[in-house]
Amino acid sequence: MTVRPLIGVSTYLESAARWGVWELDAALLPAGYPRLVQRAGGLAAMLPPDAPERAAETVARLDGLVIAGGPDVDPARYGAERSPRTGPPALERDAWELALIDAALAAGVPLLGVCRGMQLLNVALGGTLVQHLDGHAEVVGVFGGHPVKPVPGSLYAGIVPEETTVPTYHHQAVDRLGAGLLPSAYAADGTVEAIELPADRSWALGVQWHPEMGEDVRVMRALVTAAGSATG
């Protein structure tokens, strides 16, 4: 029997979520994430916010990790004043997901950051963020799309070698890159759309867009393949 890699995906933690007859606190994850993990050949496990000191124990049981999209990162995490256009902080998620990222990098567990997850990867390694840019989230609550171009020779270019149009919804982006990170894709306006660590370090990739909202499984399949190799 083939053992599928176990991929943990971080989640929202929301109060007063509604479904059926219920209105309760809930750990939430858009269904596109587990579906994409499953389509890419992995098993999906939800990782709601927990005590940061439990991150290493959690990551030790995973074969791969996805840090999902979500609210803006607290600017205090990268030493900046809050912009009027920055959303409310999600302090529990920031603390938990930064601890997960640190644990994954320390343990060599393959890591994929999606949108906010890419931004947190950058912050975890000492980078900063642009707190607002226009043109990457055109209609509130509706995913848009624009082309991204890979950097030749990068990990990302080895996964997706051609320019592609990707599902997008964000208003923040990487500013100063964190220590050791390399840009691996750009939008037409120069926005960094993907970042990664060099091949001689942990398998770590961040994408600014939302692969879970599209049909292209290549990025997630690359994570699942790396996770399988790391355990095999």
Protein backbone atom coordinates (compact mmCIF):
# COMPACT_ATOMS: atom_id res chain seq x y z
CA MET A 1 0.00 0.00 0.00
CA THR A 2 1.31 3.43 -0.96
CA VAL A 3 1.70 5.73 2.04
CA ARG A 4 0.65 9.24 1.10
CA PRO A 5 2.59 12.14 2.67
CA LEU A 6 0.75 13.87 5.51
CA ILE A 7 0.51 17.60 4.77
CA GLY A 8 -0.52 19.92 7.57
CA VAL A 9 -2.39 23.10 6.60
CA SER A 10 -2.78 26.02 9.01
CA THR A 11 -6.29 27.38 9.56
CA TYR A 12 -8.30 30.39 10.54
CA LEU A 13 -9.82 30.56 14.04
CA GLU A 14 -13.06 32.52 13.84
CA SER A 15 -15.77 33.42 16.34
CA ALA A 16 -19.47 33.07 15.58
CA ALA A 17 -19.10 31.10 12.35
CA ARG A 18 -22.44 29.85 11.03
CA TRP A 19 -23.39 26.54 9.40
CA GLY A 20 -26.68 24.67 9.53
CA VAL A 21 -28.40 25.54 12.81
CA TRP A 22 -25.11 26.39 14.54
CA GLU A 23 -23.27 29.61 15.33
CA LEU A 24 -20.06 28.72 17.15
CA ASP A 25 -16.35 29.40 17.30
CA ALA A 26 -14.73 27.43 14.49
CA ALA A 27 -11.38 26.49 13.01
CA LEU A 28 -11.90 27.26 9.32
CA LEU A 29 -10.09 26.42 6.11
CA PRO A 30 -11.37 27.03 2.58
CA ALA A 31 -12.06 23.62 1.07
CA GLY A 32 -9.75 24.38 -1.85
CA TYR A 33 -6.70 23.70 0.35
CA PRO A 34 -7.42 20.10 1.40
CA ARG A 35 -8.83 19.35 -2.05
CA LEU A 36 -5.62 20.55 -3.69
CA VAL A 37 -3.49 18.52 -1.28
CA GLN A 38 -5.60 15.45 -2.08
CA ARG A 39 -5.45 16.04 -5.84
CA ALA A 40 -1.68 16.37 -5.56
CA GLY A 41 -1.39 12.99 -3.87
CA GLY A 42 -1.19 13.95 -0.20
CA LEU A 43 -3.27 13.54 2.95
CA ALA A 44 -4.50 16.83 4.42
CA ALA A 45 -4.54 17.65 8.15
CA MET A 46 -5.90 20.91 9.56
CA LEU A 47 -3.68 22.76 12.05
CA PRO A 48 -5.72 25.32 14.01
CA PRO A 49 -3.84 27.86 16.15
CA ASP A 50 -2.20 26.30 19.20
CA ALA A 51 0.46 27.23 21.73
CA PRO A 52 3.65 28.16 19.83
CA GLU A 53 5.72 25.88 22.05
CA ARG A 54 3.83 22.91 20.54
CA ALA A 55 4.89 23.74 16.99
CA ALA A 56 8.00 21.54 16.90
CA GLU A 57 6.04 18.53 18.21
CA THR A 58 3.34 19.16 15.62
CA VAL A 59 5.75 19.51 12.70
CA ALA A 60 7.59 16.35 13.77
CA ARG A 61 4.44 14.36 12.91
CA LEU A 62 4.07 15.92 9.44
CA ASP A 63 5.72 15.17 6.11
CA GLY A 64 5.00 18.65 4.72
CA LEU A 65 3.51 21.96 5.83
CA VAL A 66 1.32 24.57 4.15
CA ILE A 67 0.85 27.99 5.72
CA ALA A 68 -2.47 29.15 4.31
CA GLY A 69 -3.67 32.56 3.26
CA GLY A 70 -5.57 34.84 5.58
CA PRO A 71 -5.42 38.21 7.35
CA ASP A 72 -2.59 40.73 7.26
CA VAL A 73 0.51 40.02 9.32
CA ASP A 74 0.85 42.29 12.36
CA PRO A 75 3.35 45.00 11.27
CA ALA A 76 4.93 44.87 14.73
CA ARG A 77 6.34 41.50 13.67
CA TYR A 78 8.62 43.27 11.19
CA GLY A 79 9.18 46.49 13.11
CA ALA A 80 6.76 48.74 11.20
CA GLU A 81 4.01 51.13 12.18
CA ARG A 82 0.52 50.01 11.18
CA SER A 83 -0.74 51.55 7.95
CA PRO A 84 -4.37 52.77 7.92
CA ARG A 85 -4.99 50.23 5.14
CA THR A 86 -3.64 47.25 7.07
CA GLY A 87 -6.33 44.93 8.41
CA PRO A 88 -6.90 43.88 12.02
CA PRO A 89 -4.19 41.59 13.40
CA ALA A 90 -4.66 37.86 13.97
CA LEU A 91 -2.22 37.57 16.86
CA GLU A 92 -2.83 33.87 17.62
CA ARG A 93 -2.30 32.92 13.99
CA ASP A 94 0.83 35.06 13.71
CA ALA A 95 2.42 33.45 16.77
CA TRP A 96 1.41 29.88 15.84
CA GLU A 97 2.30 30.05 12.17
CA LEU A 98 5.64 31.75 12.74
CA ALA A 99 6.46 28.97 15.22
CA LEU A 100 5.39 26.36 12.65
CA ILE A 101 7.63 27.96 10.02
CA ASP A 102 10.60 28.05 12.39
CA ALA A 103 10.03 24.41 13.33
CA ALA A 104 9.69 23.28 9.70
CA LEU A 105 12.87 25.06 8.65
CA ALA A 106 14.77 23.66 11.64
CA ALA A 107 13.58 20.11 10.95
CA GLY A 108 13.92 20.24 7.17
CA VAL A 109 10.20 19.59 6.64
CA PRO A 110 9.12 20.84 3.17
CA LEU A 111 7.16 24.09 3.45
CA LEU A 112 4.80 25.95 1.14
CA GLY A 113 3.51 29.42 2.03
CA VAL A 114 0.40 30.69 0.25
CA CYS A 115 -0.21 34.47 0.10
CA ARG A 116 -0.12 35.38 3.82
CA GLY A 117 2.00 32.24 4.26
CA MET A 118 4.59 33.57 1.82
CA GLN A 119 4.59 36.90 3.64
CA LEU A 120 5.04 35.16 7.01
CA LEU A 121 7.95 33.10 5.63
CA ASN A 122 9.60 36.36 4.64
CA VAL A 123 8.94 37.92 8.06
CA ALA A 124 10.15 34.79 9.87
CA LEU A 125 13.54 35.24 8.20
CA GLY A 126 13.80 38.94 9.02
CA GLY A 127 12.16 40.46 5.94
CA THR A 128 9.57 43.23 5.71
CA LEU A 129 6.31 43.77 3.84
CA VAL A 130 4.67 46.41 1.68
CA GLN A 131 1.48 47.11 3.62
CA HIS A 132 -0.62 48.09 0.62
CA LEU A 133 -0.39 47.89 -3.14
CA ASP A 134 -3.12 48.36 -5.72
CA GLY A 135 -4.17 46.13 -8.59
CA HIS A 136 -3.84 42.69 -7.00
CA ALA A 137 -7.31 42.49 -5.41
CA GLU A 138 -9.67 44.36 -7.69
CA VAL A 139 -13.08 43.39 -6.26
CA VAL A 140 -13.65 42.74 -2.55
CA GLY A 141 -14.34 39.06 -1.97
CA VAL A 142 -13.62 38.04 -5.57
CA PHE A 143 -10.43 36.36 -6.77
CA GLY A 144 -8.80 37.98 -9.77
CA GLY A 145 -5.90 36.86 -11.88
CA HIS A 146 -2.70 38.11 -13.47
CA PRO A 147 0.38 36.59 -15.09
CA VAL A 148 3.52 35.74 -13.14
CA LYS A 149 6.89 35.07 -14.72
CA PRO A 150 9.36 32.61 -13.16
CA VAL A 151 13.00 33.43 -12.56
CA PRO A 152 15.10 31.04 -14.69
CA GLY A 153 17.04 28.48 -12.66
CA SER A 154 14.84 28.83 -9.58
CA LEU A 155 13.02 26.04 -7.75
CA TYR A 156 9.75 27.56 -8.88
CA ALA A 157 10.86 27.68 -12.53
CA GLY A 158 11.69 23.99 -12.29
CA ILE A 159 8.07 23.37 -11.24
CA VAL A 160 6.34 25.85 -13.56
CA PRO A 161 8.79 26.90 -16.31
CA GLU A 162 6.43 29.11 -18.28
CA GLU A 163 4.65 32.38 -17.55
CA THR A 164 1.17 31.59 -16.20
CA THR A 165 -1.93 33.47 -15.11
CA VAL A 166 -2.65 32.68 -11.47
CA PRO A 167 -5.59 33.28 -9.07
CA THR A 168 -4.85 36.34 -6.94
CA TYR A 169 -6.31 38.22 -3.99
CA HIS A 170 -3.88 40.26 -1.93
CA HIS A 171 -2.97 43.84 -1.11
CA GLN A 172 0.33 43.23 0.68
CA ALA A 173 3.62 41.92 -0.67
CA VAL A 174 7.27 41.28 0.07
CA ASP A 175 9.40 44.39 0.50
CA ARG A 176 12.88 43.57 1.85
CA LEU A 177 13.66 39.88 1.47
CA GLY A 178 14.40 37.83 4.56
CA ALA A 179 17.81 36.29 5.15
CA GLY A 180 18.71 33.72 2.50
CA LEU A 181 15.47 34.05 0.53
CA LEU A 182 15.56 34.44 -3.25
CA PRO A 183 12.85 35.89 -5.52
CA SER A 184 11.61 33.24 -7.94
CA ALA A 185 8.69 34.88 -9.79
CA TYR A 186 7.49 38.40 -10.55
CA ALA A 187 4.31 40.10 -11.67
CA ALA A 188 4.41 42.52 -14.60
CA ASP A 189 4.51 45.49 -12.18
CA GLY A 190 7.62 44.11 -10.47
CA THR A 191 5.88 42.69 -7.42
CA VAL A 192 7.69 39.65 -6.04
CA GLU A 193 5.23 36.79 -6.59
CA ALA A 194 7.28 33.85 -5.30
CA ILE A 195 10.21 33.38 -2.92
CA GLU A 196 12.30 30.36 -2.01
CA LEU A 197 15.33 29.14 -0.13
CA PRO A 198 18.39 27.93 -2.08
CA ALA A 199 18.57 24.27 -3.03
CA ASP A 200 21.20 23.53 -0.35
CA ARG A 201 18.78 24.53 2.41
CA SER A 202 15.31 23.31 3.39
CA TRP A 203 12.68 22.89 0.63
CA ALA A 204 10.75 26.11 1.18
CA LEU A 205 8.66 27.98 -1.36
CA GLY A 206 6.23 30.87 -0.98
CA VAL A 207 3.74 31.98 -3.62
CA GLN A 208 1.80 35.21 -3.48
CA TRP A 209 -1.21 33.78 -5.31
CA HIS A 210 -3.81 31.13 -4.40
CA PRO A 211 -3.15 27.80 -6.15
CA GLU A 212 -6.07 26.27 -4.24
CA MET A 213 -8.42 28.45 -6.30
CA GLY A 214 -7.15 27.18 -9.66
CA GLU A 215 -6.73 23.98 -11.62
CA ASP A 216 -2.92 23.83 -11.72
CA VAL A 217 -1.69 21.30 -9.15
CA ARG A 218 2.01 21.58 -9.97
CA VAL A 219 3.08 23.71 -7.01
CA MET A 220 1.25 21.52 -4.48
CA ARG A 221 2.39 18.35 -6.21
CA ALA A 222 5.99 19.56 -5.88
CA LEU A 223 5.48 20.00 -2.13
CA VAL A 224 3.89 16.55 -1.80
CA THR A 225 6.73 15.00 -3.83
CA ALA A 226 9.34 16.72 -1.65
CA ALA A 227 7.47 15.57 1.46
CA GLY A 228 7.45 12.00 0.20
CA SER A 229 11.16 12.14 -0.61
CA ALA A 230 11.97 13.55 2.82
CA THR A 231 10.27 10.60 4.51
CA GLY A 232 11.29 7.90 2.03
